[in-house]
Amino acid sequence: MTTQWHEVSGAPNMSGLYTKAATRRKVTGTTLPTVGLRQSLQVDQQRLAAYRKVCGFVDNGLLPPTYPHVMAFALQMQLLTDRDFPFPLLGLVHLSNRIRVLRPMGGVGQVRASVNVENLNAHPKGAVFSLVTRLDDQLGPLWEAESEMLCKGVQLDGALVEPEEQERPALTEVAHWSAPADIGRQYAKVSGDYNPIHLSGISARLFGFPTAIAHGLWNKARTLAALDDHLPEANLEIDVTFKKPVRLPSEVTLLASAAGSSGHLRLVGAGELEHMAGSWRPVA
């Protein structure tokens, strides 16, 4: 599929995008749009500092590996609420996330962000697709990510995509932290992601959750902050699969391999409940 790129200028009306997301609840098709969005963006140092605080990153002069998702969030919202996108945004399930840090992200000012969707496939619970986000600076490709998203109940022709089995290597405890009841609201303020399943028990119950749950990308960000001295600064691919949600409030424990160019990680809760599993390695 060839992507047709549309240039975006100016900040979007986020309240308008959230209204579109809240009022659109039906599947309108089974074909992904071929249009992608691009925009020049500037790093907001105040917002970056607030993000570091909420996610536990130290200020080492580098953009956190997960921060480009925050920079491109408005573009992602524009794409996923466009009338040509066939699935309702609210109700999409974030199954996995792969980030590639291609070069050290120090001294980053202005970047060019791009987002598109691709790889629509059948899944045992519906249909899955990839939300692809990339950042380039004046030297070229800097960072890229793929988020695998599930839309439940959609019927597609073709072979089913079965989840891959994760390796189960021996890991040691690296960190333990609390996910407080208000972490969804804290993360929403720094990321712009006000999905109601993360904000409060009342809003989460409207979508079938007994309590609010932590953002998957906050879980990943908090994990990478704890693994700061384990991971290379660049030529790094970090792949995680989201398992059971982290209900708020919760206590979680991070298990990981020894520091190095590659390794594995698991985020677990009480009773060894697995919330997230993944690995890191050099970019292929």
Protein backbone atom coordinates (compact mmCIF):
# COMPACT_ATOMS: atom_id res chain seq x y z
CA MET A 1 0.00 0.00 0.00
CA THR A 2 1.41 3.36 -1.06
CA THR A 3 0.84 6.12 1.49
CA GLN A 4 -0.38 9.49 0.23
CA TRP A 5 0.99 12.12 2.60
CA HIS A 6 -0.99 15.14 3.74
CA GLU A 7 0.85 18.06 5.36
CA VAL A 8 -0.71 19.42 8.55
CA SER A 9 -0.12 23.01 9.65
CA GLY A 10 -1.10 24.46 12.98
CA ALA A 11 -2.30 22.92 16.22
CA PRO A 12 -5.49 20.84 16.05
CA ASN A 13 -8.66 21.49 18.03
CA MET A 14 -8.22 18.66 20.55
CA SER A 15 -11.66 19.15 22.10
CA GLY A 16 -13.14 18.75 18.63
CA LEU A 17 -11.17 15.55 18.05
CA TYR A 18 -12.34 14.14 21.39
CA THR A 19 -15.93 15.01 20.50
CA LYS A 20 -15.56 13.10 17.23
CA ALA A 21 -14.06 10.14 19.09
CA ALA A 22 -16.85 10.13 21.69
CA THR A 23 -19.71 10.34 19.18
CA ARG A 24 -18.45 7.78 16.70
CA ARG A 25 -19.19 4.27 17.94
CA LYS A 26 -19.78 2.17 14.79
CA VAL A 27 -17.49 0.32 12.37
CA THR A 28 -17.91 1.90 8.93
CA GLY A 29 -15.74 -0.35 6.78
CA THR A 30 -12.95 -2.91 6.59
CA THR A 31 -10.35 -1.01 4.55
CA LEU A 32 -7.63 1.23 5.99
CA PRO A 33 -7.13 4.71 4.53
CA THR A 34 -4.05 5.25 2.39
CA VAL A 35 -3.57 8.85 3.57
CA GLY A 36 -0.90 9.59 6.19
CA LEU A 37 -0.29 12.83 8.07
CA ARG A 38 2.94 14.81 8.45
CA GLN A 39 3.77 17.86 10.53
CA SER A 40 6.79 19.83 11.72
CA LEU A 41 6.90 19.90 15.54
CA GLN A 42 9.00 21.61 18.17
CA VAL A 43 10.06 20.04 21.47
CA ASP A 44 8.25 21.84 24.31
CA GLN A 45 10.79 21.84 27.14
CA GLN A 46 8.21 22.56 29.84
CA ARG A 47 5.99 19.71 28.71
CA LEU A 48 9.02 17.43 28.41
CA ALA A 49 10.04 18.20 31.99
CA ALA A 50 6.53 17.42 33.24
CA TYR A 51 6.53 14.15 31.26
CA ARG A 52 9.86 13.11 32.76
CA LYS A 53 8.50 13.73 36.26
CA VAL A 54 5.31 11.69 35.74
CA CYS A 55 7.14 8.78 34.08
CA GLY A 56 10.27 8.74 36.26
CA PHE A 57 12.88 9.72 33.66
CA VAL A 58 15.96 11.66 34.76
CA ASP A 59 17.01 14.70 32.74
CA ASN A 60 20.06 13.31 30.93
CA GLY A 61 19.77 15.61 27.91
CA LEU A 62 18.08 12.93 25.80
CA LEU A 63 14.44 12.62 24.80
CA PRO A 64 12.94 9.61 26.62
CA PRO A 65 12.41 6.74 24.15
CA THR A 66 8.63 6.97 24.58
CA TYR A 67 8.33 10.77 24.35
CA PRO A 68 7.95 10.99 20.54
CA HIS A 69 4.57 9.28 21.00
CA VAL A 70 3.50 12.31 23.05
CA MET A 71 4.79 14.72 20.42
CA ALA A 72 2.85 12.93 17.67
CA PHE A 73 -0.29 12.20 19.71
CA ALA A 74 -2.39 14.96 18.11
CA LEU A 75 -1.47 13.68 14.63
CA GLN A 76 -2.44 10.16 15.69
CA MET A 77 -5.78 11.46 16.96
CA GLN A 78 -6.43 13.33 13.72
CA LEU A 79 -5.78 10.21 11.67
CA LEU A 80 -7.83 7.85 13.86
CA THR A 81 -10.86 10.16 14.04
CA ASP A 82 -10.91 11.00 10.33
CA ARG A 83 -14.11 9.98 8.55
CA ASP A 84 -12.14 7.65 6.25
CA PHE A 85 -10.79 5.65 9.19
CA PRO A 86 -13.21 2.70 9.55
CA PHE A 87 -13.01 1.88 13.28
CA PRO A 88 -14.20 3.87 16.31
CA LEU A 89 -11.25 5.16 18.31
CA LEU A 90 -12.84 4.53 21.70
CA GLY A 91 -12.74 0.79 22.26
CA LEU A 92 -9.54 0.12 20.31
CA VAL A 93 -7.25 -2.15 22.34
CA HIS A 94 -3.50 -1.48 22.36
CA LEU A 95 -1.97 -4.97 22.06
CA SER A 96 1.73 -4.23 21.60
CA ASN A 97 4.24 -1.48 20.96
CA ARG A 98 7.63 -1.54 19.26
CA ILE A 99 9.96 1.47 19.46
CA ARG A 100 13.20 1.92 17.52
CA VAL A 101 15.67 4.61 18.61
CA LEU A 102 17.84 4.94 15.52
CA ARG A 103 20.23 7.66 16.74
CA PRO A 104 20.91 9.33 20.11
CA MET A 105 18.05 11.75 20.81
CA GLY A 106 20.08 14.54 22.39
CA GLY A 107 19.76 18.20 21.43
CA VAL A 108 16.52 17.55 19.57
CA GLY A 109 14.60 20.73 18.75
CA GLN A 110 12.47 20.69 15.61
CA VAL A 111 11.39 17.38 14.10
CA ARG A 112 9.11 16.16 11.35
CA ALA A 113 6.52 13.65 12.56
CA SER A 114 4.54 11.30 10.36
CA VAL A 115 1.73 8.85 11.15
CA ASN A 116 -0.10 6.28 9.06
CA VAL A 117 -1.94 2.97 9.43
CA GLU A 118 -1.15 -0.31 7.70
CA ASN A 119 -1.06 -4.13 8.01
CA LEU A 120 -4.78 -4.83 8.51
CA ASN A 121 -5.24 -8.48 9.42
CA ALA A 122 -7.79 -10.86 10.89
CA HIS A 123 -7.45 -11.67 14.60
CA PRO A 124 -9.27 -14.23 16.77
CA LYS A 125 -11.10 -11.34 18.47
CA GLY A 126 -11.62 -9.06 15.46
CA ALA A 127 -9.19 -7.10 13.28
CA VAL A 128 -5.70 -5.77 14.01
CA PHE A 129 -3.73 -3.02 12.34
CA SER A 130 -0.49 -1.11 12.90
CA LEU A 131 -0.37 2.56 13.80
CA VAL A 132 3.05 3.66 12.53
CA THR A 133 4.72 6.82 13.84
CA ARG A 134 8.08 8.23 12.73
CA LEU A 135 10.27 11.19 13.64
CA ASP A 136 12.93 12.71 11.39
CA ASP A 137 15.29 15.58 12.11
CA GLN A 138 17.63 17.49 9.81
CA LEU A 139 19.92 14.44 9.58
CA GLY A 140 17.17 11.99 8.61
CA PRO A 141 15.31 9.16 10.39
CA LEU A 142 15.61 9.48 14.18
CA TRP A 143 12.90 7.32 15.78
CA GLU A 144 10.02 5.09 14.74
CA ALA A 145 7.30 3.04 16.41
CA GLU A 146 4.55 0.57 15.61
CA SER A 147 1.52 0.13 17.84
CA GLU A 148 -0.60 -2.94 17.14
CA MET A 149 -4.26 -2.07 17.69
CA LEU A 150 -7.27 -4.39 17.94
CA CYS A 151 -10.83 -3.53 16.94
CA LYS A 152 -13.04 -6.21 18.47
CA GLY A 153 -15.87 -7.86 16.58
CA VAL A 154 -14.75 -6.94 13.05
CA GLN A 155 -14.99 -9.81 10.56
CA LEU A 156 -12.18 -10.00 7.96
CA ASP A 157 -11.35 -12.58 5.35
CA GLY A 158 -7.93 -14.19 5.48
CA ALA A 159 -5.78 -16.18 7.88
CA LEU A 160 -5.99 -15.31 11.56
CA VAL A 161 -3.04 -13.58 13.19
CA GLU A 162 -2.21 -15.59 16.30
CA PRO A 163 -0.27 -13.92 19.14
CA GLU A 164 3.36 -15.03 19.28
CA GLU A 165 4.60 -16.90 22.33
CA GLN A 166 7.01 -14.85 24.42
CA GLU A 167 10.31 -16.31 25.61
CA ARG A 168 10.51 -17.01 29.35
CA PRO A 169 14.15 -16.42 30.31
CA ALA A 170 15.31 -16.17 33.92
CA LEU A 171 14.99 -12.56 35.09
CA THR A 172 15.82 -10.71 38.30
CA GLU A 173 13.93 -7.97 40.11
CA VAL A 174 15.08 -4.51 39.06
CA ALA A 175 12.49 -2.16 40.54
CA HIS A 176 9.16 -1.94 42.35
CA TRP A 177 6.75 0.98 42.24
CA SER A 178 3.22 2.12 42.96
CA ALA A 179 0.73 3.04 40.26
CA PRO A 180 -1.45 5.51 42.20
CA ALA A 181 -5.16 5.97 41.66
CA ASP A 182 -4.62 9.29 39.85
CA ILE A 183 -1.75 8.26 37.56
CA GLY A 184 -4.12 8.11 34.58
CA ARG A 185 -5.03 11.75 35.11
CA GLN A 186 -1.41 12.72 35.71
CA TYR A 187 -0.33 11.01 32.49
CA ALA A 188 -3.23 12.52 30.55
CA LYS A 189 -2.07 16.03 31.49
CA VAL A 190 1.43 15.48 30.09
CA SER A 191 0.49 13.28 27.10
CA GLY A 192 -2.85 14.69 25.96
CA ASP A 193 -4.37 11.19 26.07
CA TYR A 194 -7.66 11.56 27.98
CA ASN A 195 -9.09 8.11 27.26
CA PRO A 196 -11.86 7.70 29.88
CA ILE A 197 -10.79 4.17 30.86
CA HIS A 198 -7.69 5.71 32.48
CA LEU A 199 -9.20 8.71 34.26
CA SER A 200 -11.50 7.41 37.00
CA GLY A 201 -13.46 4.41 38.14
CA ILE A 202 -16.72 6.08 37.08
CA SER A 203 -15.59 6.77 33.50
CA ALA A 204 -13.85 3.38 33.21
CA ARG A 205 -17.03 1.51 34.20
CA LEU A 206 -18.81 3.07 31.23
CA PHE A 207 -16.50 0.97 29.05
CA GLY A 208 -16.68 -2.25 31.01
CA PHE A 209 -13.73 -1.85 33.39
CA PRO A 210 -14.35 -2.21 37.15
CA THR A 211 -11.68 0.40 37.92
CA ALA A 212 -9.51 2.85 35.99
CA ILE A 213 -6.45 1.25 34.41
CA ALA A 214 -2.99 2.65 33.73
CA HIS A 215 -2.07 3.73 30.21
CA GLY A 216 -0.05 1.05 28.46
CA LEU A 217 2.45 3.65 27.29
CA TRP A 218 2.84 4.94 30.85
CA ASN A 219 3.66 1.37 31.93
CA LYS A 220 6.25 1.17 29.16
CA ALA A 221 7.67 4.62 29.89
CA ARG A 222 7.93 3.95 33.62
CA THR A 223 9.64 0.64 32.82
CA LEU A 224 12.19 2.22 30.48
CA ALA A 225 12.90 4.93 33.04
CA ALA A 226 13.72 2.18 35.57
CA LEU A 227 15.92 0.46 32.97
CA ASP A 228 17.83 3.63 32.05
CA ASP A 229 21.22 2.20 33.02
CA HIS A 230 20.40 -1.15 31.37
CA LEU A 231 19.82 0.12 27.83
CA PRO A 232 21.95 1.66 25.06
CA GLU A 233 21.12 5.24 24.06
CA ALA A 234 20.53 4.36 20.40
CA ASN A 235 20.51 1.55 17.86
CA LEU A 236 17.84 0.17 20.16
CA GLU A 237 14.57 -1.65 19.51
CA ILE A 238 12.20 -2.16 22.45
CA ASP A 239 9.22 -4.43 21.89
CA VAL A 240 6.50 -5.04 24.48
CA THR A 241 3.19 -6.89 24.55
CA PHE A 242 0.50 -5.61 26.89
CA LYS A 243 -1.09 -8.39 28.92
CA LYS A 244 -3.46 -7.87 31.86
CA PRO A 245 -4.26 -4.21 32.60
CA VAL A 246 -2.80 -2.50 35.67
CA ARG A 247 -5.84 -1.63 37.76
CA LEU A 248 -5.49 1.56 39.76
CA PRO A 249 -4.16 1.77 42.35
CA SER A 250 -1.64 -1.10 42.16
CA GLU A 251 1.84 -2.21 43.14
CA VAL A 252 3.99 -3.62 40.34
CA THR A 253 7.42 -5.23 40.06
CA LEU A 254 9.82 -5.01 37.13
CA LEU A 255 11.93 -8.07 36.28
CA ALA A 256 14.68 -7.82 33.66
CA SER A 257 17.85 -9.30 32.22
CA ALA A 258 21.25 -7.86 33.07
CA ALA A 259 22.30 -4.60 31.42
CA GLY A 260 23.46 -5.04 27.84
CA SER A 261 22.66 -4.59 24.17
CA SER A 262 19.80 -7.11 24.39
CA GLY A 263 17.60 -8.59 27.07
CA HIS A 264 14.09 -9.33 28.28
CA LEU A 265 11.65 -7.72 30.72
CA ARG A 266 8.41 -8.48 32.53
CA LEU A 267 6.11 -6.24 34.56
CA VAL A 268 4.10 -8.20 37.12
CA GLY A 269 1.62 -7.47 39.86
CA ALA A 270 0.31 -9.30 42.90
CA GLY A 271 0.25 -13.07 42.54
CA GLU A 272 2.63 -12.91 39.55
CA LEU A 273 -0.12 -11.40 37.39
CA GLU A 274 1.66 -10.48 34.16
CA HIS A 275 0.94 -6.96 32.93
CA MET A 276 3.60 -6.56 30.23
CA ALA A 277 6.34 -8.66 28.65
CA GLY A 278 8.98 -7.68 26.15
CA SER A 279 12.57 -7.46 25.05
CA TRP A 280 15.20 -5.09 23.74
CA ARG A 281 17.86 -5.61 21.07
CA PRO A 282 19.90 -3.72 18.47
CA VAL A 283 17.86 -2.44 15.52
CA ALA A 284 17.81 -5.07 12.79
